[in-house]
Protein backbone atom coordinates (compact mmCIF):
# COMPACT_ATOMS: atom_id res chain seq x y z
CA MET A 1 8.80 9.68 -6.43
CA LYS A 2 10.34 6.98 -8.58
CA THR A 3 9.33 6.80 -12.23
CA PRO A 4 6.88 3.87 -12.54
CA ALA A 5 8.61 0.84 -14.08
CA CYS A 6 5.46 -1.28 -14.26
CA GLU A 7 1.71 -0.97 -13.90
CA LEU A 8 1.17 -2.72 -10.58
CA SER A 9 3.12 -3.40 -7.40
CA ILE A 10 1.63 -6.12 -5.17
CA VAL A 11 2.80 -5.79 -1.56
CA VAL A 12 2.51 -8.81 0.73
CA SER A 13 3.80 -9.07 4.29
CA ALA A 14 4.13 -12.57 5.70
CA LEU A 15 4.76 -14.05 9.13
CA ASN A 16 5.34 -17.81 9.25
CA GLU A 17 3.52 -18.60 6.00
CA GLU A 18 5.75 -21.38 4.66
CA ARG A 19 2.68 -23.50 3.90
CA ASN A 20 1.29 -20.84 1.57
CA VAL A 21 4.32 -19.30 -0.13
CA ARG A 22 4.48 -21.58 -3.17
CA GLN A 23 0.75 -21.43 -3.88
CA LEU A 24 0.66 -17.68 -3.26
CA PHE A 25 3.40 -16.91 -5.78
CA ARG A 26 1.97 -19.37 -8.31
CA ARG A 27 -1.45 -17.74 -8.14
CA LEU A 28 -0.10 -14.17 -8.13
CA THR A 29 2.11 -14.65 -11.16
CA GLY A 30 -0.67 -16.62 -12.85
CA ALA A 31 -3.11 -13.72 -12.41
CA LEU A 32 -0.57 -11.25 -13.82
CA ASN A 33 0.15 -13.52 -16.78
CA ARG A 34 -3.45 -14.32 -17.66
CA HIS A 35 -4.55 -10.70 -17.60
CA LYS A 36 -1.34 -9.37 -19.16
CA ILE A 37 -0.64 -6.99 -16.28
CA SER A 38 2.88 -5.60 -16.07
CA GLY A 39 3.54 -6.12 -12.39
CA GLU A 40 5.91 -6.91 -9.57
CA ILE A 41 5.55 -8.66 -6.20
CA ILE A 42 7.14 -7.09 -3.12
CA PHE A 43 7.21 -9.86 -0.52
CA LEU A 44 8.23 -9.06 3.05
CA ASP A 45 9.29 -11.91 5.29
CA ASN A 46 8.37 -10.16 8.54
CA HIS A 47 10.56 -11.84 11.20
CA SER A 48 9.30 -15.33 10.39
CA THR A 49 10.71 -18.20 12.46
CA ASP A 50 9.93 -20.86 9.86
CA ARG A 51 11.12 -21.31 6.25
CA THR A 52 8.94 -18.55 4.77
CA GLY A 53 11.84 -16.34 3.74
CA GLU A 54 13.98 -19.20 2.47
CA LEU A 55 11.22 -20.56 0.25
CA ALA A 56 10.29 -17.11 -1.02
CA SER A 57 13.90 -16.28 -1.88
CA ARG A 58 14.25 -19.55 -3.76
CA LEU A 59 11.16 -18.78 -5.83
CA ALA A 60 12.28 -15.18 -6.43
CA ARG A 61 15.46 -16.42 -8.09
CA LYS A 62 13.27 -18.00 -10.76
CA ASP A 63 11.12 -14.91 -11.43
CA ARG A 64 12.56 -11.41 -11.69
CA ARG A 65 9.18 -9.89 -10.88
CA ILE A 66 9.50 -11.07 -7.26
CA THR A 67 11.47 -9.06 -4.70
CA VAL A 68 11.91 -10.62 -1.26
CA ILE A 69 12.80 -8.45 1.73
CA ARG A 70 13.98 -10.41 4.78
CA ARG A 71 13.01 -8.27 7.75
CA ARG A 72 15.25 -8.99 10.73
CA GLY A 73 15.88 -6.95 13.87
CA ARG A 74 13.55 -4.11 12.91
CA PRO A 75 12.35 -1.78 15.71
CA SER A 76 8.76 -2.90 15.01
CA ARG A 77 7.68 -6.33 13.87
CA ASP A 78 4.05 -5.32 13.31
CA LEU A 79 2.28 -5.49 9.97
CA GLY A 80 2.05 -1.73 9.45
CA SER A 81 5.78 -1.12 9.72
CA SER A 82 6.41 -4.04 7.36
CA LEU A 83 4.03 -2.69 4.72
CA ARG A 84 5.47 0.82 5.02
CA GLU A 85 8.91 -0.62 4.31
CA GLY A 86 7.47 -2.45 1.33
CA PHE A 87 6.03 0.76 -0.12
CA THR A 88 9.54 2.21 -0.41
CA HIS A 89 10.47 -0.55 -2.87
CA CYS A 90 7.42 -0.22 -5.13
CA ARG A 91 7.98 0.76 -8.75
CA GLY A 92 4.42 0.42 -10.01
CA GLN A 93 1.95 3.09 -11.03
CA TYR A 94 -0.55 1.41 -8.71
CA VAL A 95 0.02 -0.40 -5.41
CA LEU A 96 -2.12 -3.27 -4.17
CA ILE A 97 -1.91 -4.68 -0.65
CA MET A 98 -3.15 -8.16 0.22
CA ASP A 99 -2.74 -10.83 2.89
CA ALA A 100 -0.25 -13.67 2.55
CA ASP A 101 -2.58 -16.39 3.84
CA LEU A 102 -4.74 -16.49 0.70
CA SER A 103 -7.77 -15.07 2.51
CA HIS A 104 -7.66 -12.54 -0.33
CA ASP A 105 -8.08 -14.33 -3.63
CA PRO A 106 -5.27 -13.49 -6.10
CA ASP A 107 -7.77 -14.12 -8.90
CA GLU A 108 -9.69 -11.03 -7.73
CA ILE A 109 -6.69 -8.73 -8.22
CA PRO A 110 -7.64 -8.12 -11.89
CA LEU A 111 -11.12 -7.13 -10.67
CA LEU A 112 -9.72 -4.30 -8.55
CA PHE A 113 -7.19 -3.39 -11.24
CA ARG A 114 -9.95 -3.15 -13.84
CA HIS A 115 -11.54 -0.31 -11.84
CA ARG A 116 -8.26 1.55 -11.25
CA LYS A 117 -9.18 4.63 -13.30
CA GLU A 118 -12.52 5.11 -11.56
CA ALA A 119 -11.08 6.33 -8.23
CA ASP A 120 -7.80 6.90 -6.39
CA ILE A 121 -8.50 3.97 -4.06
CA ILE A 122 -10.31 0.77 -5.00
CA ILE A 123 -11.48 -1.22 -1.97
CA GLY A 124 -12.08 -4.95 -2.15
CA SER A 125 -15.08 -4.89 0.14
CA ARG A 126 -16.81 -7.60 2.18
CA TYR A 127 -19.64 -5.28 3.17
CA VAL A 128 -21.21 -4.05 -0.06
CA PRO A 129 -23.84 -5.99 -2.03
CA GLY A 130 -22.18 -9.01 -3.56
CA GLY A 131 -19.35 -9.05 -1.02
CA SER A 132 -18.93 -11.75 1.63
CA GLY A 133 -16.53 -13.13 4.21
CA ASP A 134 -15.79 -16.42 5.97
CA MET A 135 -15.18 -15.24 9.53
CA PRO A 136 -16.11 -16.45 13.01
CA LEU A 137 -19.21 -14.71 14.35
CA SER A 138 -17.24 -12.83 17.02
CA ARG A 139 -14.76 -11.44 14.49
CA SER A 140 -17.55 -10.53 12.09
CA LEU A 141 -19.39 -8.59 14.79
CA ILE A 142 -16.25 -6.73 15.88
CA SER A 143 -15.32 -5.90 12.29
CA ARG A 144 -18.78 -4.71 11.27
CA THR A 145 -19.17 -2.64 14.44
CA TYR A 146 -15.81 -0.93 13.99
CA ASN A 147 -16.45 -0.21 10.32
CA THR A 148 -19.90 1.20 11.03
CA LEU A 149 -18.60 3.45 13.81
CA ALA A 150 -15.67 4.58 11.68
CA ARG A 151 -17.96 5.48 8.79
CA ILE A 152 -20.32 7.44 11.06
CA LEU A 153 -17.67 9.21 13.11
CA THR A 154 -15.30 10.14 10.27
CA GLY A 155 -17.73 10.49 7.37
CA ALA A 156 -15.65 8.10 5.28
CA PRO A 157 -17.70 6.99 2.23
CA ALA A 158 -16.75 3.32 2.62
CA HIS A 159 -18.26 0.26 4.27
CA ASP A 160 -15.09 -1.83 4.61
CA ILE A 161 -12.48 0.55 5.98
CA THR A 162 -10.39 -2.10 7.74
CA THR A 163 -9.90 -4.49 4.84
CA GLY A 164 -6.32 -5.12 3.81
CA PHE A 165 -7.29 -5.69 0.18
CA LYS A 166 -7.05 -2.28 -1.46
CA LEU A 167 -5.61 -0.83 -4.65
CA TYR A 168 -4.01 2.62 -4.42
CA ARG A 169 -2.89 5.10 -6.99
CA ARG A 170 0.83 5.35 -6.31
CA THR A 171 0.82 9.14 -6.11
CA VAL A 172 -1.73 8.96 -3.27
CA LEU A 173 0.48 6.73 -1.13
CA ASP A 174 3.57 8.82 -1.83
CA SER A 175 1.79 11.97 -0.62
CA LEU A 176 0.92 10.62 2.84
CA HIS A 177 2.89 10.71 6.08
CA LEU A 178 2.11 7.34 7.68
CA THR A 179 2.94 6.39 11.25
CA ASN A 180 0.79 3.41 12.29
CA THR A 181 2.80 0.23 12.84
CA GLY A 182 -0.09 -2.22 13.20
CA PHE A 183 -3.14 -3.38 11.28
CA GLY A 184 -4.52 0.13 11.78
CA LEU A 185 -2.30 1.26 8.90
CA HIS A 186 -5.10 0.20 6.54
CA VAL A 187 -7.42 2.65 8.31
CA GLU A 188 -4.82 5.42 8.55
CA ILE A 189 -4.07 5.34 4.81
CA LEU A 190 -7.72 5.56 3.82
CA LEU A 191 -8.71 8.33 6.24
CA LYS A 192 -5.66 10.48 5.51
CA ALA A 193 -6.08 10.01 1.76
CA LEU A 194 -9.75 10.99 1.93
CA ARG A 195 -8.86 14.03 3.99
CA ALA A 196 -6.40 15.01 1.23
CA GLY A 197 -9.12 14.78 -1.41
CA ALA A 198 -8.70 11.24 -2.70
CA THR A 199 -11.65 9.43 -4.23
CA VAL A 200 -12.72 5.90 -3.35
CA ARG A 201 -14.78 3.09 -4.86
CA GLU A 202 -15.75 -0.25 -3.34
CA VAL A 203 -16.09 -3.44 -5.34
CA PRO A 204 -17.42 -6.68 -3.81
CA ILE A 205 -14.99 -9.50 -3.05
CA HIS A 206 -15.11 -12.73 -1.09
CA TYR A 207 -12.89 -12.98 1.99
CA SER A 208 -11.98 -16.62 2.64
CA ALA A 209 -10.91 -18.39 5.80
CA ARG A 210 -7.11 -18.33 5.93
CA THR A 211 -5.16 -21.21 4.45
CA GLY A 212 -2.62 -23.01 6.63
CA GLY A 213 -3.64 -22.67 10.27
CA ARG A 214 -5.41 -20.22 12.53
CA SER A 215 -5.47 -16.46 12.01
CA LYS A 216 -2.70 -14.49 13.71
CA LEU A 217 -4.90 -11.41 14.08
CA SER A 218 -5.59 -10.47 17.70
CA TYR A 219 -8.14 -7.67 17.96
CA ARG A 220 -7.31 -7.23 21.66
CA ARG A 221 -3.61 -6.77 20.90
CA GLN A 222 -4.31 -4.53 17.92
CA PHE A 223 -6.99 -2.41 19.62
CA ARG A 224 -4.69 0.57 20.08
CA ARG A 225 -3.45 0.39 16.48
CA TYR A 226 -7.03 0.47 15.21
CA ALA A 227 -8.12 3.16 17.67
CA GLU A 228 -5.34 5.62 16.81
CA PRO A 229 -6.31 6.34 13.17
CA LEU A 230 -10.01 6.41 14.07
CA LEU A 231 -9.50 9.01 16.80
CA GLU A 232 -7.24 11.01 14.49
CA GLY A 233 -9.90 10.83 11.77
CA VAL A 234 -12.51 12.16 14.17
CA ARG A 235 -10.18 14.95 15.26
CA MET A 236 -9.48 15.93 11.65
CA ARG A 237 -13.19 16.00 10.85
CA LEU A 238 -14.06 18.13 13.86
CA PHE A 239 -11.11 20.51 14.02
CA GLY A 240 -9.36 20.29 10.65
């Protein structure tokens, strides 16, 4: 494990988000500045076909806290593999993951960070009192059903297992062997960390409709990636 060089590493993976890059970096650095958080931004341009990487690299040259990784020709182009690559570059004592499309509000990062000493994992949750989400009815039903089943089947003490807005103690992430290459990585991390004895706390956040076009998330395409960690979590609970 690297010696922490800052308090917080923010990891963002982006695919064709040129419309949001400038605003994202402005709001991220603004949140760090206002709340005097020593942090860095690990930004992964995950095989984008637009100007996402170019714009991000240009902005990174103006702020040493920003590291841009241009992912090209990787064996997997999925979100999970991109985030796992990002983790290897983190230098913070804590690691926060969030979406690049501003569906997660950068201004709520200090909220999660404020609770960092209360548990190993702080979940920005849509499904606890005070939390909310702007999602189509079909997506909301799928998400709530999956999270309810996952909580019942695995015993995980969390209502929003699938959310990509979580803050992790760095030592927890470093101790896990992660394999999921898709969106299911968010589930795999939580279930494996809980199995290893990690503690968790949920704080309410608002999940907004994405900025800059339609969502790229396909539940049908990602079904296997979500199913894998859930089935593994059930197996671990039943058989150890």
